[in-house]
């Protein structure tokens, strides 16, 4: 997988606060999370739930730039 990109022009849609495409995150080159598609629109309330080790914190750390993605793209408005 290639490096993470900030998204394309089509991702720049003001209806969405967050858009994720094919986001891969890993540690020491080993993939631990693959999020294929996520869109959160303005006004939506979203909860991320799952068991321990499911990737909730890894996703949060990636979106806040504390973890480096292996590939994919995401855009935060």
PDB file of N, CA and C in Angstrom:
ATOM      1  N   UNK A   1       0.829  -1.170   0.000  1.00  0.00           N
ATOM      2  CA  UNK A   1       0.000   0.000   0.000  1.00  0.00           C
ATOM      3  C   UNK A   1       0.883   1.246   0.000  1.00  0.00           C
ATOM      4  N   UNK A   2       0.420   2.283  -0.650  1.00  0.00           N
ATOM      5  CA  UNK A   2       1.181   3.514  -0.724  1.00  0.00           C
ATOM      6  C   UNK A   2       0.977   4.390   0.493  1.00  0.00           C
ATOM      7  N   UNK A   3       1.618   5.517   0.472  1.00  0.00           N
ATOM      8  CA  UNK A   3       1.512   6.458   1.591  1.00  0.00           C
ATOM      9  C   UNK A   3       0.123   7.074   1.649  1.00  0.00           C
ATOM     10  N   UNK A   4      -0.224   7.564   2.810  1.00  0.00           N
ATOM     11  CA  UNK A   4      -1.528   8.192   2.996  1.00  0.00           C
ATOM     12  C   UNK A   4      -1.532   9.549   2.315  1.00  0.00           C
ATOM     13  N   UNK A   5      -2.629   9.833   1.651  1.00  0.00           N
ATOM     14  CA  UNK A   5      -2.765  11.126   0.996  1.00  0.00           C
ATOM     15  C   UNK A   5      -3.851  11.928   1.700  1.00  0.00           C
ATOM     16  N   UNK A   6      -3.836  13.247   1.550  1.00  0.00           N
ATOM     17  CA  UNK A   6      -4.842  14.073   2.221  1.00  0.00           C
ATOM     18  C   UNK A   6      -6.210  14.006   1.575  1.00  0.00           C
ATOM     19  N   UNK A   7      -6.370  13.254   0.510  1.00  0.00           N
ATOM     20  CA  UNK A   7      -7.660  13.158  -0.164  1.00  0.00           C
ATOM     21  C   UNK A   7      -7.619  13.888  -1.491  1.00  0.00           C
ATOM     22  N   UNK A   8      -8.639  13.661  -2.290  1.00  0.00           N
ATOM     23  CA  UNK A   8      -8.710  14.270  -3.617  1.00  0.00           C
ATOM     24  C   UNK A   8      -9.740  15.389  -3.613  1.00  0.00           C
ATOM     25  N   UNK A   9      -9.869  16.063  -4.737  1.00  0.00           N
ATOM     26  CA  UNK A   9     -10.829  17.160  -4.843  1.00  0.00           C
ATOM     27  C   UNK A   9     -12.251  16.686  -4.578  1.00  0.00           C
ATOM     28  N   UNK A  10     -12.583  15.452  -4.980  1.00  0.00           N
ATOM     29  CA  UNK A  10     -13.939  14.951  -4.735  1.00  0.00           C
ATOM     30  C   UNK A  10     -14.192  14.716  -3.253  1.00  0.00           C
ATOM     31  N   UNK A  11     -13.132  14.548  -2.458  1.00  0.00           N
ATOM     32  CA  UNK A  11     -13.288  14.387  -1.009  1.00  0.00           C
ATOM     33  C   UNK A  11     -13.659  15.701  -0.330  1.00  0.00           C
ATOM     34  N   UNK A  12     -13.391  16.819  -0.980  1.00  0.00           N
ATOM     35  CA  UNK A  12     -13.628  18.125  -0.393  1.00  0.00           C
ATOM     36  C   UNK A  12     -15.092  18.516  -0.536  1.00  0.00           C
ATOM     37  N   UNK A  13     -15.947  17.808   0.154  1.00  0.00           N
ATOM     38  CA  UNK A  13     -17.389  18.006   0.103  1.00  0.00           C
ATOM     39  C   UNK A  13     -17.822  18.556   1.450  1.00  0.00           C
ATOM     40  N   UNK A  14     -18.331  19.771   1.482  1.00  0.00           N
ATOM     41  CA  UNK A  14     -18.625  20.445   2.751  1.00  0.00           C
ATOM     42  C   UNK A  14     -19.761  19.795   3.536  1.00  0.00           C
ATOM     43  N   UNK A  15     -20.474  18.831   2.941  1.00  0.00           N
ATOM     44  CA  UNK A  15     -21.520  18.122   3.691  1.00  0.00           C
ATOM     45  C   UNK A  15     -20.937  17.199   4.754  1.00  0.00           C
ATOM     46  N   UNK A  16     -19.671  16.819   4.570  1.00  0.00           N
ATOM     47  CA  UNK A  16     -19.050  15.845   5.457  1.00  0.00           C
ATOM     48  C   UNK A  16     -18.010  16.482   6.365  1.00  0.00           C
ATOM     49  N   UNK A  17     -17.995  16.051   7.611  1.00  0.00           N
ATOM     50  CA  UNK A  17     -16.960  16.481   8.549  1.00  0.00           C
ATOM     51  C   UNK A  17     -15.752  15.564   8.469  1.00  0.00           C
ATOM     52  N   UNK A  18     -15.989  14.301   8.102  1.00  0.00           N
ATOM     53  CA  UNK A  18     -14.907  13.322   7.999  1.00  0.00           C
ATOM     54  C   UNK A  18     -15.211  12.370   6.865  1.00  0.00           C
ATOM     55  N   UNK A  19     -14.198  12.102   6.039  1.00  0.00           N
ATOM     56  CA  UNK A  19     -14.296  11.090   4.977  1.00  0.00           C
ATOM     57  C   UNK A  19     -13.034  10.263   5.010  1.00  0.00           C
ATOM     58  N   UNK A  20     -13.199   8.952   4.982  1.00  0.00           N
ATOM     59  CA  UNK A  20     -12.070   8.015   5.018  1.00  0.00           C
ATOM     60  C   UNK A  20     -12.222   7.041   3.867  1.00  0.00           C
ATOM     61  N   UNK A  21     -11.111   6.752   3.179  1.00  0.00           N
ATOM     62  CA  UNK A  21     -11.090   5.795   2.069  1.00  0.00           C
ATOM     63  C   UNK A  21      -9.866   4.894   2.224  1.00  0.00           C
ATOM     64  N   UNK A  22     -10.102   3.603   2.328  1.00  0.00           N
ATOM     65  CA  UNK A  22      -9.032   2.588   2.305  1.00  0.00           C
ATOM     66  C   UNK A  22      -7.886   2.916   3.270  1.00  0.00           C
ATOM     67  N   UNK A  23      -8.200   3.371   4.461  1.00  0.00           N
ATOM     68  CA  UNK A  23      -7.179   3.756   5.432  1.00  0.00           C
ATOM     69  C   UNK A  23      -6.586   2.509   6.077  1.00  0.00           C
ATOM     70  N   UNK A  24      -5.293   2.331   5.945  1.00  0.00           N
ATOM     71  CA  UNK A  24      -4.576   1.211   6.552  1.00  0.00           C
ATOM     72  C   UNK A  24      -3.596   1.764   7.573  1.00  0.00           C
ATOM     73  N   UNK A  25      -3.611   1.182   8.766  1.00  0.00           N
ATOM     74  CA  UNK A  25      -2.724   1.621   9.837  1.00  0.00           C
ATOM     75  C   UNK A  25      -2.039   0.390  10.409  1.00  0.00           C
ATOM     76  N   UNK A  26      -0.788   0.539  10.761  1.00  0.00           N
ATOM     77  CA  UNK A  26      -0.058  -0.587  11.330  1.00  0.00           C
ATOM     78  C   UNK A  26       1.071  -0.118  12.219  1.00  0.00           C
ATOM     79  N   UNK A  27       1.657  -1.057  12.874  1.00  0.00           N
ATOM     80  CA  UNK A  27       2.799  -0.796  13.747  1.00  0.00           C
ATOM     81  C   UNK A  27       3.934  -1.700  13.304  1.00  0.00           C
ATOM     82  N   UNK A  28       5.114  -1.122  13.153  1.00  0.00           N
ATOM     83  CA  UNK A  28       6.303  -1.838  12.673  1.00  0.00           C
ATOM     84  C   UNK A  28       6.026  -2.511  11.329  1.00  0.00           C
ATOM     85  N   UNK A  29       5.227  -1.840  10.483  1.00  0.00           N
ATOM     86  CA  UNK A  29       4.937  -2.347   9.154  1.00  0.00           C
ATOM     87  C   UNK A  29       3.886  -3.442   9.099  1.00  0.00           C
ATOM     88  N   UNK A  30       3.345  -3.844  10.247  1.00  0.00           N
ATOM     89  CA  UNK A  30       2.316  -4.889  10.288  1.00  0.00           C
ATOM     90  C   UNK A  30       0.947  -4.223  10.353  1.00  0.00           C
ATOM     91  N   UNK A  31       0.101  -4.427   9.340  1.00  0.00           N
ATOM     92  CA  UNK A  31      -1.215  -3.795   9.351  1.00  0.00           C
ATOM     93  C   UNK A  31      -2.086  -4.319  10.500  1.00  0.00           C
ATOM     94  N   UNK A  32      -2.744  -3.400  11.191  1.00  0.00           N
ATOM     95  CA  UNK A  32      -3.636  -3.782  12.290  1.00  0.00           C
ATOM     96  C   UNK A  32      -5.047  -3.237  12.104  1.00  0.00           C
ATOM     97  N   UNK A  33      -5.227  -2.311  11.163  1.00  0.00           N
ATOM     98  CA  UNK A  33      -6.538  -1.711  10.943  1.00  0.00           C
ATOM     99  C   UNK A  33      -6.683  -1.366   9.470  1.00  0.00           C
ATOM    100  N   UNK A  34      -7.815  -1.758   8.879  1.00  0.00           N
ATOM    101  CA  UNK A  34      -8.162  -1.349   7.524  1.00  0.00           C
ATOM    102  C   UNK A  34      -9.593  -0.838   7.559  1.00  0.00           C
ATOM    103  N   UNK A  35      -9.751   0.427   7.299  1.00  0.00           N
ATOM    104  CA  UNK A  35     -11.069   1.058   7.261  1.00  0.00           C
ATOM    105  C   UNK A  35     -11.337   1.432   5.815  1.00  0.00           C
ATOM    106  N   UNK A  36     -12.212   0.709   5.165  1.00  0.00           N
ATOM    107  CA  UNK A  36     -12.450   0.898   3.732  1.00  0.00           C
ATOM    108  C   UNK A  36     -13.211   2.174   3.409  1.00  0.00           C
ATOM    109  N   UNK A  37     -14.238   2.499   4.211  1.00  0.00           N
ATOM    110  CA  UNK A  37     -15.078   3.640   3.850  1.00  0.00           C
ATOM    111  C   UNK A  37     -15.789   4.152   5.102  1.00  0.00           C
ATOM    112  N   UNK A  38     -15.674   5.446   5.349  1.00  0.00           N
ATOM    113  CA  UNK A  38     -16.390   6.071   6.459  1.00  0.00           C
ATOM    114  C   UNK A  38     -16.690   7.506   6.073  1.00  0.00           C
ATOM    115  N   UNK A  39     -17.934   7.905   6.239  1.00  0.00           N
ATOM    116  CA  UNK A  39     -18.335   9.292   6.025  1.00  0.00           C
ATOM    117  C   UNK A  39     -19.181   9.723   7.208  1.00  0.00           C
ATOM    118  N   UNK A  40     -18.825  10.835   7.799  1.00  0.00           N
ATOM    119  CA  UNK A  40     -19.612  11.415   8.884  1.00  0.00           C
ATOM    120  C   UNK A  40     -20.038  12.794   8.425  1.00  0.00           C
ATOM    121  N   UNK A  41     -21.347  12.976   8.313  1.00  0.00           N
ATOM    122  CA  UNK A  41     -21.906  14.229   7.823  1.00  0.00           C
ATOM    123  C   UNK A  41     -22.087  15.223   8.963  1.00  0.00           C
ATOM    124  N   UNK A  42     -22.139  16.488   8.615  1.00  0.00           N
ATOM    125  CA  UNK A  42     -22.410  17.538   9.594  1.00  0.00           C
ATOM    126  C   UNK A  42     -23.742  17.240  10.272  1.00  0.00           C
ATOM    127  N   UNK A  43     -23.772  17.341  11.590  1.00  0.00           N
ATOM    128  CA  UNK A  43     -24.979  17.107  12.360  1.00  0.00           C
ATOM    129  C   UNK A  43     -25.173  15.671  12.818  1.00  0.00           C
ATOM    130  N   UNK A  44     -24.392  14.742  12.288  1.00  0.00           N
ATOM    131  CA  UNK A  44     -24.502  13.344  12.708  1.00  0.00           C
ATOM    132  C   UNK A  44     -23.804  13.128  14.039  1.00  0.00           C
ATOM    133  N   UNK A  45     -24.323  12.193  14.808  1.00  0.00           N
ATOM    134  CA  UNK A  45     -23.673  11.744  16.031  1.00  0.00           C
ATOM    135  C   UNK A  45     -23.272  10.300  15.792  1.00  0.00           C
ATOM    136  N   UNK A  46     -21.989  10.004  15.952  1.00  0.00           N
ATOM    137  CA  UNK A  46     -21.459   8.677  15.647  1.00  0.00           C
ATOM    138  C   UNK A  46     -20.727   8.136  16.863  1.00  0.00           C
ATOM    139  N   UNK A  47     -20.910   6.857  17.124  1.00  0.00           N
ATOM    140  CA  UNK A  47     -20.201   6.173  18.196  1.00  0.00           C
ATOM    141  C   UNK A  47     -19.415   5.024  17.592  1.00  0.00           C
ATOM    142  N   UNK A  48     -18.163   4.898  17.963  1.00  0.00           N
ATOM    143  CA  UNK A  48     -17.330   3.776  17.539  1.00  0.00           C
ATOM    144  C   UNK A  48     -17.259   2.812  18.715  1.00  0.00           C
ATOM    145  N   UNK A  49     -17.752   1.604  18.527  1.00  0.00           N
ATOM    146  CA  UNK A  49     -17.745   0.608  19.589  1.00  0.00           C
ATOM    147  C   UNK A  49     -17.081  -0.667  19.097  1.00  0.00           C
ATOM    148  N   UNK A  50     -16.593  -1.446  20.019  1.00  0.00           N
ATOM    149  CA  UNK A  50     -15.994  -2.730  19.687  1.00  0.00           C
ATOM    150  C   UNK A  50     -15.214  -3.256  20.859  1.00  0.00           C
ATOM    151  N   UNK A  51     -14.833  -4.508  20.787  1.00  0.00           N
ATOM    152  CA  UNK A  51     -14.081  -5.119  21.878  1.00  0.00           C
ATOM    153  C   UNK A  51     -12.652  -4.574  21.951  1.00  0.00           C
ATOM    154  N   UNK A  52     -11.997  -4.876  23.028  1.00  0.00           N
ATOM    155  CA  UNK A  52     -10.598  -4.503  23.196  1.00  0.00           C
ATOM    156  C   UNK A  52      -9.792  -5.061  22.019  1.00  0.00           C
ATOM    157  N   UNK A  53      -8.961  -4.213  21.423  1.00  0.00           N
ATOM    158  CA  UNK A  53      -8.132  -4.644  20.302  1.00  0.00           C
ATOM    159  C   UNK A  53      -8.787  -4.497  18.943  1.00  0.00           C
ATOM    160  N   UNK A  54      -9.977  -3.927  18.884  1.00  0.00           N
ATOM    161  CA  UNK A  54     -10.695  -3.804  17.615  1.00  0.00           C
ATOM    162  C   UNK A  54     -10.179  -2.665  16.741  1.00  0.00           C
ATOM    163  N   UNK A  55      -9.436  -1.711  17.314  1.00  0.00           N
ATOM    164  CA  UNK A  55      -8.867  -0.629  16.516  1.00  0.00           C
ATOM    165  C   UNK A  55      -9.435   0.753  16.797  1.00  0.00           C
ATOM    166  N   UNK A  56     -10.258   0.886  17.822  1.00  0.00           N
ATOM    167  CA  UNK A  56     -10.869   2.193  18.134  1.00  0.00           C
ATOM    168  C   UNK A  56      -9.808   3.243  18.443  1.00  0.00           C
ATOM    169  N   UNK A  57      -8.892   2.934  19.320  1.00  0.00           N
ATOM    170  CA  UNK A  57      -7.845   3.888  19.689  1.00  0.00           C
ATOM    171  C   UNK A  57      -6.885   4.116  18.532  1.00  0.00           C
ATOM    172  N   UNK A  58      -6.587   3.081  17.774  1.00  0.00           N
ATOM    173  CA  UNK A  58      -5.707   3.230  16.608  1.00  0.00           C
ATOM    174  C   UNK A  58      -6.325   4.188  15.597  1.00  0.00           C
ATOM    175  N   UNK A  59      -7.624   4.073  15.357  1.00  0.00           N
ATOM    176  CA  UNK A  59      -8.301   5.007  14.452  1.00  0.00           C
ATOM    177  C   UNK A  59      -8.204   6.428  14.993  1.00  0.00           C
ATOM    178  N   UNK A  60      -8.508   6.617  16.264  1.00  0.00           N
ATOM    179  CA  UNK A  60      -8.437   7.941  16.868  1.00  0.00           C
ATOM    180  C   UNK A  60      -7.018   8.504  16.783  1.00  0.00           C
ATOM    181  N   UNK A  61      -6.015   7.697  17.094  1.00  0.00           N
ATOM    182  CA  UNK A  61      -4.623   8.157  17.046  1.00  0.00           C
ATOM    183  C   UNK A  61      -4.215   8.548  15.627  1.00  0.00           C
ATOM    184  N   UNK A  62      -4.737   7.848  14.636  1.00  0.00           N
ATOM    185  CA  UNK A  62      -4.413   8.163  13.248  1.00  0.00           C
ATOM    186  C   UNK A  62      -5.048   9.485  12.827  1.00  0.00           C
ATOM    187  N   UNK A  63      -6.317   9.660  13.155  1.00  0.00           N
ATOM    188  CA  UNK A  63      -7.018  10.885  12.761  1.00  0.00           C
ATOM    189  C   UNK A  63      -6.485  12.119  13.487  1.00  0.00           C
ATOM    190  N   UNK A  64      -5.854  11.920  14.641  1.00  0.00           N
ATOM    191  CA  UNK A  64      -5.257  13.051  15.372  1.00  0.00           C
ATOM    192  C   UNK A  64      -3.758  13.152  15.101  1.00  0.00           C
ATOM    193  N   UNK A  65      -3.270  12.431  14.114  1.00  0.00           N
ATOM    194  CA  UNK A  65      -1.881  12.423  13.632  1.00  0.00           C
ATOM    195  C   UNK A  65      -0.874  11.893  14.640  1.00  0.00           C
ATOM    196  N   UNK A  66      -1.311  11.114  15.615  1.00  0.00           N
ATOM    197  CA  UNK A  66      -0.373  10.469  16.536  1.00  0.00           C
ATOM    198  C   UNK A  66       0.155   9.155  15.984  1.00  0.00           C
ATOM    199  N   UNK A  67      -0.520   8.578  15.006  1.00  0.00           N
ATOM    200  CA  UNK A  67      -0.079   7.341  14.355  1.00  0.00           C
ATOM    201  C   UNK A  67      -0.035   7.589  12.858  1.00  0.00           C
ATOM    202  N   UNK A  68       0.969   7.043  12.221  1.00  0.00           N
ATOM    203  CA  UNK A  68       1.158   7.243  10.782  1.00  0.00           C
ATOM    204  C   UNK A  68       0.478   6.116  10.000  1.00  0.00           C
ATOM    205  N   UNK A  69      -0.420   6.462   9.074  1.00  0.00           N
ATOM    206  CA  UNK A  69      -1.071   5.430   8.265  1.00  0.00           C
ATOM    207  C   UNK A  69      -0.103   4.797   7.271  1.00  0.00           C
ATOM    208  N   UNK A  70      -0.375   3.558   6.909  1.00  0.00           N
ATOM    209  CA  UNK A  70       0.416   2.879   5.889  1.00  0.00           C
ATOM    210  C   UNK A  70      -0.081   3.236   4.493  1.00  0.00           C
ATOM    211  N   UNK A  71      -1.348   3.621   4.384  1.00  0.00           N
ATOM    212  CA  UNK A  71      -1.911   3.966   3.084  1.00  0.00           C
ATOM    213  C   UNK A  71      -3.351   4.415   3.214  1.00  0.00           C
ATOM    214  N   UNK A  72      -3.912   4.820   2.093  1.00  0.00           N
ATOM    215  CA  UNK A  72      -5.286   5.285   2.062  1.00  0.00           C
ATOM    216  C   UNK A  72      -5.344   6.798   2.147  1.00  0.00           C
ATOM    217  N   UNK A  73      -6.548   7.306   2.400  1.00  0.00           N
ATOM    218  CA  UNK A  73      -6.698   8.755   2.514  1.00  0.00           C
ATOM    219  C   UNK A  73      -7.814   9.083   3.504  1.00  0.00           C
ATOM    220  N   UNK A  74      -7.693  10.258   4.095  1.00  0.00           N
ATOM    221  CA  UNK A  74      -8.765  10.781   4.929  1.00  0.00           C
ATOM    222  C   UNK A  74      -8.753  12.290   4.845  1.00  0.00           C
ATOM    223  N   UNK A  75      -9.933  12.865   5.048  1.00  0.00           N
ATOM    224  CA  UNK A  75     -10.101  14.310   4.955  1.00  0.00           C
ATOM    225  C   UNK A  75     -10.969  14.747   6.118  1.00  0.00           C
ATOM    226  N   UNK A  76     -10.498  15.725   6.871  1.00  0.00           N
ATOM    227  CA  UNK A  76     -11.237  16.272   8.003  1.00  0.00           C
ATOM    228  C   UNK A  76     -11.572  17.720   7.690  1.00  0.00           C
ATOM    229  N   UNK A  77     -12.844  18.072   7.749  1.00  0.00           N
ATOM    230  CA  UNK A  77     -13.284  19.433   7.445  1.00  0.00           C
ATOM    231  C   UNK A  77     -13.234  20.258   8.708  1.00  0.00           C
TER     232      UNK A  77
END
